[in-house]
N, C-alpha and C. Protein backbone atom coordinates (compact mmCIF):
# COMPACT_ATOMS: atom_id res chain seq x y z
N MET A 1 0.86 -1.19 0.00
CA MET A 1 0.00 0.00 0.00
C MET A 1 0.89 1.23 0.00
N THR A 2 0.70 2.10 -0.94
CA THR A 2 1.54 3.29 -1.05
C THR A 2 0.95 4.41 -0.25
N ASP A 3 1.85 5.28 0.24
CA ASP A 3 1.38 6.45 0.99
C ASP A 3 0.70 7.42 0.04
N ALA A 4 -0.34 8.09 0.54
CA ALA A 4 -1.04 9.08 -0.27
C ALA A 4 -0.12 10.25 -0.55
N GLN A 5 -0.20 10.73 -1.77
CA GLN A 5 0.62 11.87 -2.13
C GLN A 5 0.06 13.14 -1.49
N PRO A 6 0.92 14.00 -0.96
CA PRO A 6 0.42 15.24 -0.35
C PRO A 6 -0.27 16.12 -1.38
N THR A 7 -1.30 16.77 -0.95
CA THR A 7 -2.04 17.66 -1.84
C THR A 7 -1.20 18.87 -2.18
N SER A 8 -1.17 19.23 -3.44
CA SER A 8 -0.39 20.39 -3.86
C SER A 8 -1.02 21.66 -3.29
N PRO A 9 -0.22 22.59 -2.80
CA PRO A 9 -0.77 23.83 -2.28
C PRO A 9 -1.42 24.64 -3.40
N ALA A 10 -2.45 25.39 -3.05
CA ALA A 10 -3.12 26.23 -4.05
C ALA A 10 -2.20 27.38 -4.44
N GLU A 11 -2.33 27.81 -5.68
CA GLU A 11 -1.53 28.92 -6.15
C GLU A 11 -2.41 29.86 -6.96
N PRO A 12 -2.16 31.14 -6.89
CA PRO A 12 -2.97 32.11 -7.65
C PRO A 12 -2.72 31.95 -9.15
N ARG A 13 -3.80 32.03 -9.92
CA ARG A 13 -3.70 31.89 -11.37
C ARG A 13 -4.27 33.11 -12.10
N GLY A 14 -4.66 34.12 -11.37
CA GLY A 14 -5.24 35.30 -11.98
C GLY A 14 -6.12 36.03 -10.98
N PHE A 15 -6.89 36.96 -11.46
CA PHE A 15 -7.75 37.72 -10.56
C PHE A 15 -8.95 38.25 -11.33
N ALA A 16 -9.98 38.63 -10.58
CA ALA A 16 -11.15 39.27 -11.18
C ALA A 16 -11.28 40.66 -10.58
N LEU A 17 -11.45 41.63 -11.42
CA LEU A 17 -11.62 43.01 -10.98
C LEU A 17 -13.05 43.43 -11.33
N TYR A 18 -13.87 43.65 -10.31
CA TYR A 18 -15.25 44.08 -10.54
C TYR A 18 -15.30 45.60 -10.48
N VAL A 19 -15.91 46.20 -11.49
CA VAL A 19 -16.02 47.65 -11.56
C VAL A 19 -17.50 48.01 -11.60
N GLY A 20 -17.93 48.81 -10.66
CA GLY A 20 -19.33 49.22 -10.62
C GLY A 20 -19.50 50.61 -11.20
N ILE A 21 -20.08 50.68 -12.38
CA ILE A 21 -20.34 51.97 -13.03
C ILE A 21 -21.37 51.77 -14.12
N ASP A 22 -22.29 52.70 -14.28
CA ASP A 22 -23.24 52.61 -15.38
C ASP A 22 -22.89 53.64 -16.44
N GLU A 23 -23.62 53.62 -17.55
CA GLU A 23 -23.26 54.50 -18.67
C GLU A 23 -23.43 55.97 -18.32
N LEU A 24 -24.41 56.31 -17.46
CA LEU A 24 -24.59 57.71 -17.08
C LEU A 24 -23.39 58.23 -16.29
N LYS A 25 -22.92 57.40 -15.35
CA LYS A 25 -21.76 57.81 -14.56
C LYS A 25 -20.51 57.87 -15.45
N ALA A 26 -20.41 56.92 -16.38
CA ALA A 26 -19.27 56.97 -17.29
C ALA A 26 -19.32 58.22 -18.16
N ALA A 27 -20.53 58.57 -18.65
CA ALA A 27 -20.68 59.76 -19.49
C ALA A 27 -20.34 61.03 -18.72
N ALA A 28 -20.62 61.04 -17.42
CA ALA A 28 -20.29 62.20 -16.60
C ALA A 28 -18.78 62.42 -16.53
N ASN A 29 -18.03 61.37 -16.83
CA ASN A 29 -16.56 61.46 -16.86
C ASN A 29 -16.03 61.46 -18.29
N ASP A 30 -16.93 61.80 -19.23
CA ASP A 30 -16.57 61.90 -20.65
C ASP A 30 -15.98 60.60 -21.19
N THR A 31 -16.63 59.46 -20.84
CA THR A 31 -16.17 58.19 -21.36
C THR A 31 -17.36 57.23 -21.46
N THR A 32 -17.09 56.00 -21.84
CA THR A 32 -18.13 54.97 -21.89
C THR A 32 -17.57 53.71 -21.22
N ILE A 33 -18.47 52.78 -20.94
CA ILE A 33 -18.00 51.52 -20.36
C ILE A 33 -17.06 50.80 -21.32
N SER A 34 -17.40 50.79 -22.60
CA SER A 34 -16.53 50.13 -23.58
C SER A 34 -15.15 50.75 -23.60
N ASP A 35 -15.08 52.08 -23.53
CA ASP A 35 -13.76 52.75 -23.55
C ASP A 35 -12.96 52.38 -22.31
N ILE A 36 -13.64 52.29 -21.16
CA ILE A 36 -12.94 51.92 -19.92
C ILE A 36 -12.38 50.50 -20.03
N VAL A 37 -13.21 49.58 -20.56
CA VAL A 37 -12.76 48.20 -20.71
C VAL A 37 -11.55 48.14 -21.63
N LEU A 38 -11.62 48.82 -22.78
CA LEU A 38 -10.51 48.79 -23.74
C LEU A 38 -9.25 49.40 -23.13
N ALA A 39 -9.41 50.47 -22.34
CA ALA A 39 -8.25 51.11 -21.72
C ALA A 39 -7.61 50.20 -20.69
N LEU A 40 -8.44 49.50 -19.91
CA LEU A 40 -7.89 48.59 -18.91
C LEU A 40 -7.16 47.42 -19.57
N LYS A 41 -7.73 46.88 -20.66
CA LYS A 41 -7.09 45.78 -21.35
C LYS A 41 -5.75 46.23 -21.97
N ALA A 42 -5.75 47.44 -22.49
CA ALA A 42 -4.50 47.96 -23.07
C ALA A 42 -3.44 48.15 -22.00
N ARG A 43 -3.86 48.66 -20.85
CA ARG A 43 -2.90 48.85 -19.76
C ARG A 43 -2.38 47.50 -19.26
N LEU A 44 -3.25 46.50 -19.20
CA LEU A 44 -2.83 45.16 -18.78
C LEU A 44 -1.78 44.60 -19.74
N THR A 45 -1.97 44.84 -21.04
CA THR A 45 -1.02 44.36 -22.03
C THR A 45 0.34 45.01 -21.83
N GLU A 46 0.34 46.27 -21.43
CA GLU A 46 1.60 46.97 -21.16
C GLU A 46 2.29 46.38 -19.94
N LEU A 47 1.48 46.09 -18.88
CA LEU A 47 2.06 45.60 -17.63
C LEU A 47 2.50 44.15 -17.72
N ALA A 48 1.69 43.34 -18.40
CA ALA A 48 1.97 41.90 -18.46
C ALA A 48 1.58 41.38 -19.84
N PRO A 49 2.48 41.49 -20.81
CA PRO A 49 2.15 41.09 -22.19
C PRO A 49 1.72 39.63 -22.33
N ASN A 50 2.17 38.75 -21.41
CA ASN A 50 1.83 37.34 -21.51
C ASN A 50 0.51 36.98 -20.82
N ALA A 51 -0.13 37.94 -20.20
CA ALA A 51 -1.37 37.65 -19.46
C ALA A 51 -2.54 37.43 -20.42
N GLU A 52 -3.38 36.49 -20.09
CA GLU A 52 -4.62 36.28 -20.83
C GLU A 52 -5.72 37.07 -20.12
N SER A 53 -6.65 37.61 -20.87
CA SER A 53 -7.71 38.40 -20.23
C SER A 53 -9.04 38.18 -20.93
N HIS A 54 -10.08 38.41 -20.18
CA HIS A 54 -11.44 38.32 -20.70
C HIS A 54 -12.29 39.33 -19.97
N ALA A 55 -13.04 40.11 -20.67
CA ALA A 55 -13.90 41.13 -20.06
C ALA A 55 -15.36 40.76 -20.30
N ALA A 56 -16.15 40.89 -19.26
CA ALA A 56 -17.59 40.61 -19.37
C ALA A 56 -18.34 41.78 -18.77
N VAL A 57 -19.25 42.34 -19.55
CA VAL A 57 -20.07 43.46 -19.07
C VAL A 57 -21.31 42.89 -18.39
N ALA A 58 -21.59 43.39 -17.20
CA ALA A 58 -22.74 42.90 -16.43
C ALA A 58 -23.98 43.73 -16.77
N PHE A 59 -25.05 43.04 -17.16
CA PHE A 59 -26.31 43.69 -17.46
C PHE A 59 -27.30 43.41 -16.35
N ALA A 60 -28.15 44.39 -16.07
CA ALA A 60 -29.18 44.24 -15.03
C ALA A 60 -30.43 44.93 -15.53
N PRO A 61 -31.61 44.55 -15.03
CA PRO A 61 -32.85 45.22 -15.45
C PRO A 61 -32.77 46.72 -15.20
N ALA A 62 -33.32 47.48 -16.14
CA ALA A 62 -33.30 48.94 -15.99
C ALA A 62 -33.99 49.35 -14.69
N GLY A 63 -33.34 50.23 -13.97
CA GLY A 63 -33.93 50.74 -12.74
C GLY A 63 -33.71 49.87 -11.52
N GLN A 64 -32.96 48.77 -11.68
CA GLN A 64 -32.73 47.90 -10.52
C GLN A 64 -31.97 48.66 -9.45
N ARG A 65 -32.46 48.56 -8.23
CA ARG A 65 -31.85 49.30 -7.13
C ARG A 65 -30.69 48.52 -6.54
N GLY A 66 -29.77 49.28 -5.94
CA GLY A 66 -28.63 48.67 -5.30
C GLY A 66 -27.34 49.30 -5.77
N ARG A 67 -26.28 49.06 -5.01
CA ARG A 67 -24.97 49.57 -5.39
C ARG A 67 -24.53 48.94 -6.70
N ASP A 68 -23.95 49.76 -7.58
CA ASP A 68 -23.50 49.25 -8.88
C ASP A 68 -22.57 48.05 -8.70
N LEU A 69 -21.64 48.15 -7.74
CA LEU A 69 -20.67 47.08 -7.56
C LEU A 69 -21.35 45.78 -7.13
N ASP A 70 -22.34 45.89 -6.25
CA ASP A 70 -23.05 44.69 -5.81
C ASP A 70 -23.83 44.05 -6.96
N ILE A 71 -24.46 44.89 -7.77
CA ILE A 71 -25.23 44.38 -8.91
C ILE A 71 -24.30 43.66 -9.90
N VAL A 72 -23.13 44.23 -10.13
CA VAL A 72 -22.16 43.61 -11.04
C VAL A 72 -21.71 42.26 -10.49
N ARG A 73 -21.38 42.22 -9.20
CA ARG A 73 -20.91 40.96 -8.61
C ARG A 73 -21.98 39.88 -8.67
N LEU A 74 -23.23 40.28 -8.43
CA LEU A 74 -24.31 39.29 -8.51
C LEU A 74 -24.54 38.83 -9.94
N ALA A 75 -24.52 39.78 -10.88
CA ALA A 75 -24.77 39.44 -12.28
C ALA A 75 -23.71 38.48 -12.81
N LEU A 76 -22.48 38.61 -12.33
CA LEU A 76 -21.39 37.75 -12.77
C LEU A 76 -21.19 36.56 -11.84
N ARG A 77 -22.16 36.37 -10.91
CA ARG A 77 -22.21 35.20 -10.03
C ARG A 77 -20.96 35.05 -9.17
N ASP A 78 -20.48 36.18 -8.65
CA ASP A 78 -19.37 36.11 -7.71
C ASP A 78 -19.83 35.32 -6.48
N PRO A 79 -19.14 34.23 -6.11
CA PRO A 79 -19.61 33.36 -5.03
C PRO A 79 -19.85 34.10 -3.71
N ALA A 80 -18.94 35.00 -3.36
CA ALA A 80 -19.11 35.72 -2.10
C ALA A 80 -20.35 36.61 -2.13
N ALA A 81 -20.60 37.24 -3.28
CA ALA A 81 -21.77 38.10 -3.39
C ALA A 81 -23.05 37.28 -3.35
N VAL A 82 -23.06 36.13 -4.04
CA VAL A 82 -24.23 35.27 -4.03
C VAL A 82 -24.55 34.83 -2.61
N ALA A 83 -23.50 34.50 -1.83
CA ALA A 83 -23.70 34.01 -0.47
C ALA A 83 -24.19 35.08 0.48
N THR A 84 -23.75 36.33 0.27
CA THR A 84 -24.06 37.38 1.24
C THR A 84 -25.16 38.34 0.81
N LEU A 85 -25.36 38.50 -0.49
CA LEU A 85 -26.29 39.52 -0.97
C LEU A 85 -27.65 38.96 -1.40
N LEU A 86 -27.68 37.71 -1.85
CA LEU A 86 -28.97 37.14 -2.25
C LEU A 86 -29.74 36.67 -1.03
N PRO A 87 -31.07 36.82 -1.04
CA PRO A 87 -31.87 36.29 0.08
C PRO A 87 -31.78 34.78 0.11
N PRO A 88 -31.87 34.18 1.30
CA PRO A 88 -31.79 32.71 1.38
C PRO A 88 -32.94 32.06 0.63
N LYS A 89 -32.65 30.92 0.04
CA LYS A 89 -33.69 30.19 -0.67
C LYS A 89 -34.72 29.67 0.33
N PRO A 90 -36.00 29.76 -0.03
CA PRO A 90 -37.01 29.23 0.89
C PRO A 90 -36.87 27.72 1.05
N LYS A 91 -37.16 27.26 2.24
CA LYS A 91 -37.10 25.82 2.48
C LYS A 91 -38.20 25.12 1.70
N PRO A 92 -37.91 23.98 1.13
CA PRO A 92 -38.95 23.26 0.40
C PRO A 92 -40.10 22.88 1.33
N ALA A 93 -41.29 22.81 0.75
CA ALA A 93 -42.45 22.43 1.56
C ALA A 93 -42.25 21.04 2.14
N GLU A 94 -42.71 20.91 3.37
CA GLU A 94 -42.55 19.63 4.03
C GLU A 94 -43.39 18.57 3.33
N GLN A 95 -42.73 17.47 2.99
CA GLN A 95 -43.41 16.38 2.30
C GLN A 95 -43.78 15.29 3.30
N GLY A 96 -44.91 14.69 3.11
CA GLY A 96 -45.34 13.63 4.00
C GLY A 96 -46.75 13.88 4.51
N VAL A 97 -47.13 13.12 5.52
CA VAL A 97 -48.47 13.24 6.09
C VAL A 97 -48.34 13.53 7.58
N ILE A 98 -49.11 14.51 8.04
CA ILE A 98 -49.18 14.85 9.46
C ILE A 98 -50.61 14.58 9.93
N ILE A 99 -50.75 13.71 10.89
CA ILE A 99 -52.06 13.43 11.48
C ILE A 99 -52.10 14.16 12.82
N ASP A 100 -52.85 15.24 12.85
CA ASP A 100 -52.91 16.09 14.04
C ASP A 100 -54.16 15.74 14.83
N ILE A 101 -53.99 14.90 15.84
CA ILE A 101 -55.12 14.45 16.65
C ILE A 101 -55.73 15.61 17.42
N SER A 102 -54.89 16.50 17.96
CA SER A 102 -55.39 17.59 18.79
C SER A 102 -56.25 18.57 18.00
N ARG A 103 -55.91 18.81 16.73
CA ARG A 103 -56.65 19.76 15.90
C ARG A 103 -57.61 19.07 14.92
N LYS A 104 -57.62 17.74 14.97
CA LYS A 104 -58.52 16.96 14.12
C LYS A 104 -58.38 17.34 12.64
N ARG A 105 -57.16 17.21 12.17
CA ARG A 105 -56.90 17.49 10.77
C ARG A 105 -55.74 16.63 10.28
N VAL A 106 -55.67 16.48 8.95
CA VAL A 106 -54.60 15.72 8.32
C VAL A 106 -53.98 16.62 7.25
N ILE A 107 -52.63 16.73 7.27
CA ILE A 107 -51.91 17.54 6.30
C ILE A 107 -51.14 16.59 5.38
N LEU A 108 -51.42 16.69 4.07
CA LEU A 108 -50.73 15.86 3.08
C LEU A 108 -49.87 16.76 2.20
N ASN A 109 -48.55 16.57 2.27
CA ASN A 109 -47.63 17.39 1.46
C ASN A 109 -47.97 18.88 1.59
N ASN A 110 -48.16 19.30 2.84
CA ASN A 110 -48.39 20.71 3.18
C ASN A 110 -49.77 21.22 2.79
N GLU A 111 -50.70 20.33 2.44
CA GLU A 111 -52.06 20.71 2.11
C GLU A 111 -53.01 19.96 3.04
N THR A 112 -54.06 20.66 3.50
CA THR A 112 -55.04 20.03 4.40
C THR A 112 -55.93 19.07 3.62
N ALA A 113 -56.01 17.84 4.07
CA ALA A 113 -56.87 16.84 3.41
C ALA A 113 -58.33 17.12 3.76
N PRO A 114 -59.24 16.99 2.78
CA PRO A 114 -60.66 17.34 3.00
C PRO A 114 -61.45 16.20 3.67
N LEU A 115 -61.02 15.76 4.83
CA LEU A 115 -61.70 14.68 5.52
C LEU A 115 -62.96 15.19 6.22
N THR A 116 -64.02 14.40 6.18
CA THR A 116 -65.21 14.70 6.96
C THR A 116 -64.93 14.34 8.43
N PHE A 117 -65.83 14.77 9.31
CA PHE A 117 -65.66 14.47 10.74
C PHE A 117 -65.61 12.97 10.96
N LYS A 118 -66.51 12.23 10.32
CA LYS A 118 -66.56 10.78 10.52
C LYS A 118 -65.31 10.10 9.92
N GLU A 119 -64.82 10.60 8.79
CA GLU A 119 -63.61 10.03 8.19
C GLU A 119 -62.41 10.24 9.11
N PHE A 120 -62.34 11.43 9.73
CA PHE A 120 -61.24 11.65 10.66
C PHE A 120 -61.37 10.75 11.88
N GLU A 121 -62.61 10.57 12.38
CA GLU A 121 -62.82 9.67 13.51
C GLU A 121 -62.35 8.26 13.18
N LEU A 122 -62.65 7.81 11.97
CA LEU A 122 -62.25 6.48 11.55
C LEU A 122 -60.72 6.36 11.51
N LEU A 123 -60.05 7.36 10.93
CA LEU A 123 -58.60 7.34 10.88
C LEU A 123 -58.01 7.40 12.29
N GLN A 124 -58.55 8.28 13.10
CA GLN A 124 -58.04 8.41 14.48
C GLN A 124 -58.21 7.11 15.26
N TYR A 125 -59.34 6.45 15.05
CA TYR A 125 -59.61 5.17 15.73
C TYR A 125 -58.50 4.16 15.42
N LEU A 126 -58.07 4.13 14.16
CA LEU A 126 -57.01 3.21 13.76
C LEU A 126 -55.64 3.68 14.26
N VAL A 127 -55.41 4.99 14.19
CA VAL A 127 -54.13 5.53 14.63
C VAL A 127 -53.89 5.23 16.11
N LEU A 128 -54.92 5.41 16.94
CA LEU A 128 -54.78 5.18 18.37
C LEU A 128 -54.60 3.69 18.71
N ARG A 129 -54.78 2.85 17.71
CA ARG A 129 -54.55 1.41 17.89
C ARG A 129 -53.46 0.95 16.91
N GLU A 130 -52.47 1.79 16.76
CA GLU A 130 -51.40 1.57 15.79
C GLU A 130 -50.81 0.16 15.89
N GLY A 131 -50.72 -0.50 14.74
CA GLY A 131 -50.14 -1.83 14.69
C GLY A 131 -51.12 -2.95 15.03
N GLN A 132 -52.33 -2.58 15.50
CA GLN A 132 -53.33 -3.61 15.84
C GLN A 132 -54.31 -3.77 14.68
N THR A 133 -54.69 -5.00 14.41
CA THR A 133 -55.74 -5.25 13.42
C THR A 133 -57.08 -5.11 14.12
N VAL A 134 -57.92 -4.21 13.59
CA VAL A 134 -59.20 -3.90 14.22
C VAL A 134 -60.32 -4.54 13.42
N ASP A 135 -61.18 -5.26 14.09
CA ASP A 135 -62.30 -5.94 13.46
C ASP A 135 -63.32 -4.93 12.94
N ARG A 136 -63.92 -5.22 11.78
CA ARG A 136 -64.92 -4.33 11.20
C ARG A 136 -66.08 -4.08 12.17
N ASP A 137 -66.55 -5.13 12.83
CA ASP A 137 -67.68 -4.97 13.75
C ASP A 137 -67.33 -4.04 14.91
N ASP A 138 -66.09 -4.10 15.37
CA ASP A 138 -65.68 -3.22 16.47
C ASP A 138 -65.69 -1.77 16.02
N ILE A 139 -65.25 -1.52 14.79
CA ILE A 139 -65.26 -0.15 14.27
C ILE A 139 -66.68 0.40 14.23
N VAL A 140 -67.61 -0.39 13.70
CA VAL A 140 -69.01 0.05 13.60
C VAL A 140 -69.59 0.29 14.98
N ARG A 141 -69.33 -0.62 15.91
CA ARG A 141 -69.90 -0.50 17.24
C ARG A 141 -69.37 0.74 17.98
N ASP A 142 -68.08 1.04 17.81
CA ASP A 142 -67.46 2.12 18.58
C ASP A 142 -67.63 3.50 17.96
N LEU A 143 -67.82 3.56 16.63
CA LEU A 143 -67.88 4.87 15.97
C LEU A 143 -69.29 5.31 15.59
N TRP A 144 -70.25 4.39 15.59
CA TRP A 144 -71.61 4.76 15.24
C TRP A 144 -72.55 4.41 16.39
N GLN A 145 -73.50 5.30 16.63
CA GLN A 145 -74.49 5.05 17.68
C GLN A 145 -75.61 4.16 17.14
N GLU A 146 -76.19 3.41 18.03
CA GLU A 146 -77.33 2.56 17.66
C GLU A 146 -78.42 3.41 17.03
N GLY A 147 -78.86 3.03 15.84
CA GLY A 147 -79.95 3.75 15.19
C GLY A 147 -79.51 4.89 14.29
N ASP A 148 -78.20 5.16 14.17
CA ASP A 148 -77.73 6.21 13.26
C ASP A 148 -78.18 5.88 11.83
N THR A 149 -78.66 6.90 11.13
CA THR A 149 -79.19 6.66 9.77
C THR A 149 -78.10 6.21 8.81
N ASP A 150 -76.87 6.62 9.07
CA ASP A 150 -75.78 6.24 8.16
C ASP A 150 -74.93 5.11 8.73
N GLN A 151 -75.46 4.41 9.73
CA GLN A 151 -74.67 3.36 10.36
C GLN A 151 -74.39 2.23 9.37
N PRO A 152 -73.12 1.92 9.13
CA PRO A 152 -72.79 0.83 8.20
C PRO A 152 -72.86 -0.51 8.93
N ASN A 153 -72.66 -1.57 8.17
CA ASN A 153 -72.49 -2.89 8.78
C ASN A 153 -71.08 -3.37 8.45
N SER A 154 -70.78 -4.60 8.81
CA SER A 154 -69.42 -5.10 8.63
C SER A 154 -68.99 -5.15 7.17
N ARG A 155 -69.96 -5.11 6.24
CA ARG A 155 -69.62 -5.12 4.82
C ARG A 155 -69.52 -3.70 4.26
N THR A 156 -70.48 -2.85 4.60
CA THR A 156 -70.47 -1.49 4.03
C THR A 156 -69.43 -0.59 4.68
N ILE A 157 -68.80 -1.01 5.77
CA ILE A 157 -67.71 -0.22 6.35
C ILE A 157 -66.57 -0.09 5.36
N ASP A 158 -66.47 -1.06 4.44
CA ASP A 158 -65.41 -1.00 3.42
C ASP A 158 -65.55 0.25 2.55
N VAL A 159 -66.80 0.67 2.31
CA VAL A 159 -67.03 1.87 1.50
C VAL A 159 -66.44 3.09 2.20
N HIS A 160 -66.65 3.19 3.52
CA HIS A 160 -66.11 4.32 4.28
C HIS A 160 -64.59 4.30 4.26
N VAL A 161 -64.00 3.14 4.34
CA VAL A 161 -62.54 3.02 4.32
C VAL A 161 -62.00 3.42 2.94
N ARG A 162 -62.68 3.01 1.87
CA ARG A 162 -62.23 3.39 0.52
C ARG A 162 -62.27 4.90 0.34
N ARG A 163 -63.32 5.55 0.84
CA ARG A 163 -63.41 7.01 0.74
C ARG A 163 -62.28 7.68 1.51
N LEU A 164 -61.99 7.14 2.70
CA LEU A 164 -60.90 7.69 3.51
C LEU A 164 -59.57 7.54 2.78
N ARG A 165 -59.32 6.37 2.24
CA ARG A 165 -58.06 6.14 1.53
C ARG A 165 -57.91 7.07 0.33
N ALA A 166 -58.99 7.28 -0.38
CA ALA A 166 -58.94 8.15 -1.56
C ALA A 166 -58.47 9.55 -1.19
N LYS A 167 -58.85 10.00 0.01
CA LYS A 167 -58.46 11.34 0.45
C LYS A 167 -57.07 11.37 1.08
N LEU A 168 -56.50 10.20 1.32
CA LEU A 168 -55.16 10.13 1.89
C LEU A 168 -54.07 9.92 0.84
N GLU A 169 -54.46 9.76 -0.42
CA GLU A 169 -53.47 9.55 -1.47
C GLU A 169 -52.50 10.73 -1.53
N PRO A 170 -51.20 10.48 -1.74
CA PRO A 170 -50.55 9.21 -2.08
C PRO A 170 -50.08 8.40 -0.87
N PHE A 171 -50.68 8.66 0.30
CA PHE A 171 -50.27 7.96 1.51
C PHE A 171 -51.37 7.01 2.00
N ASP A 172 -52.21 6.55 1.06
CA ASP A 172 -53.34 5.71 1.44
C ASP A 172 -52.93 4.37 2.01
N ASP A 173 -51.65 3.99 1.81
CA ASP A 173 -51.21 2.69 2.32
C ASP A 173 -51.04 2.66 3.84
N ILE A 174 -51.23 3.81 4.51
CA ILE A 174 -51.14 3.79 5.98
C ILE A 174 -52.35 3.08 6.58
N VAL A 175 -53.44 2.98 5.81
CA VAL A 175 -54.61 2.20 6.25
C VAL A 175 -54.61 0.91 5.44
N ARG A 176 -54.30 -0.17 6.10
CA ARG A 176 -54.15 -1.46 5.41
C ARG A 176 -55.32 -2.38 5.70
N THR A 177 -55.68 -3.15 4.69
CA THR A 177 -56.72 -4.16 4.85
C THR A 177 -56.08 -5.48 5.28
N VAL A 178 -56.60 -6.06 6.35
CA VAL A 178 -56.18 -7.40 6.77
C VAL A 178 -57.31 -8.32 6.34
N ARG A 179 -57.08 -9.03 5.28
CA ARG A 179 -58.13 -9.81 4.62
C ARG A 179 -58.83 -10.75 5.61
N GLY A 180 -60.16 -10.68 5.58
CA GLY A 180 -60.97 -11.55 6.41
C GLY A 180 -61.11 -11.11 7.86
N VAL A 181 -60.41 -10.01 8.23
CA VAL A 181 -60.47 -9.56 9.62
C VAL A 181 -60.95 -8.11 9.73
N GLY A 182 -60.13 -7.20 9.21
CA GLY A 182 -60.48 -5.78 9.35
C GLY A 182 -59.38 -4.88 8.81
N TYR A 183 -58.99 -3.88 9.61
CA TYR A 183 -58.05 -2.87 9.13
C TYR A 183 -56.98 -2.60 10.17
N ARG A 184 -55.85 -2.04 9.69
CA ARG A 184 -54.75 -1.72 10.58
C ARG A 184 -54.07 -0.45 10.09
N PHE A 185 -53.66 0.40 11.03
CA PHE A 185 -52.88 1.59 10.70
C PHE A 185 -51.40 1.23 10.77
N ASP A 186 -50.69 1.50 9.68
CA ASP A 186 -49.25 1.24 9.62
C ASP A 186 -48.52 2.55 9.37
N ARG A 187 -47.74 2.95 10.34
CA ARG A 187 -46.96 4.18 10.18
C ARG A 187 -45.68 3.88 9.39
N HIS A 188 -45.22 4.88 8.57
CA HIS A 188 -43.92 4.75 7.92
C HIS A 188 -43.17 6.07 8.06
N ALA A 189 -42.02 6.17 7.42
CA ALA A 189 -41.12 7.30 7.68
C ALA A 189 -41.73 8.65 7.34
N ASP A 190 -42.69 8.69 6.43
CA ASP A 190 -43.28 9.97 6.01
C ASP A 190 -44.42 10.41 6.91
N VAL A 191 -44.74 9.67 7.95
CA VAL A 191 -45.91 9.95 8.78
C VAL A 191 -45.49 10.54 10.12
N THR A 192 -46.15 11.65 10.48
CA THR A 192 -45.97 12.28 11.79
C THR A 192 -47.32 12.34 12.48
N ILE A 193 -47.36 11.95 13.74
CA ILE A 193 -48.61 12.01 14.51
C ILE A 193 -48.44 13.01 15.64
N LYS A 194 -49.36 13.96 15.72
CA LYS A 194 -49.33 14.95 16.79
C LYS A 194 -50.53 14.69 17.71
N PHE A 195 -50.23 14.36 18.96
CA PHE A 195 -51.30 14.03 19.89
C PHE A 195 -51.75 15.24 20.72
N GLY A 196 -50.95 16.27 20.80
CA GLY A 196 -51.32 17.42 21.63
C GLY A 196 -51.15 17.09 23.10
N GLN A 197 -51.94 17.74 23.94
CA GLN A 197 -51.86 17.54 25.37
C GLN A 197 -52.64 16.31 25.79
N GLY A 198 -51.92 15.34 26.35
CA GLY A 198 -52.61 14.14 26.83
C GLY A 198 -52.98 13.21 25.71
N ARG A 199 -53.28 11.98 26.06
CA ARG A 199 -53.66 11.00 25.05
C ARG A 199 -54.51 9.92 25.71
N GLY A 200 -55.72 9.81 25.24
CA GLY A 200 -56.60 8.74 25.71
C GLY A 200 -56.91 7.82 24.56
N ILE A 201 -56.98 6.52 24.82
CA ILE A 201 -57.12 5.56 23.75
C ILE A 201 -58.42 5.76 22.97
N ASP A 202 -59.47 6.24 23.62
CA ASP A 202 -60.73 6.43 22.92
C ASP A 202 -61.17 7.88 22.93
N ALA A 203 -60.25 8.80 23.10
CA ALA A 203 -60.60 10.23 23.15
C ALA A 203 -60.82 10.75 21.75
N PHE A 204 -62.02 11.19 21.47
CA PHE A 204 -62.31 11.79 20.17
C PHE A 204 -62.48 13.28 20.31
């Protein structure tokens, strides 16, 4: 095994000179930006005939506010200017699903899911029994009162679950069907549950 070669020290290979001036200011001095550029390049040739040079004029929208020098540095993407003068990029919207038990709402990819009260109750019922397979009959008995006009049975509860899943897309897989038994809530990495103050297993 050979020893790693030491990294070569950095060495200067040139420089960038940023000049902040617009045509009005140049005209006030009886010159133009083009004349200034040509004069600087000519002077550079006198000082260092072997030097390579490139001039780039920075353009900005008419009337843009700010110091000329700062505008030039930003237009030419000077790293230090970009880091200090540009506003920070906004953080990307939080992706995933947030089940907020305390506020009775579900946030999907930063948007509130349009769940009805009963749909949220159904989801909450499963969430509070995370990892447990819940029988269809138990769901009907615990979430609907005797004699409710919309009370489902062990078969029609599937319709309510399908509607809930449709509103949870693309995270509908958090409500899983256990064939022949019922349903189970399965949390994954994209899911956050907020319980608020206190937590009761059947608190709605």
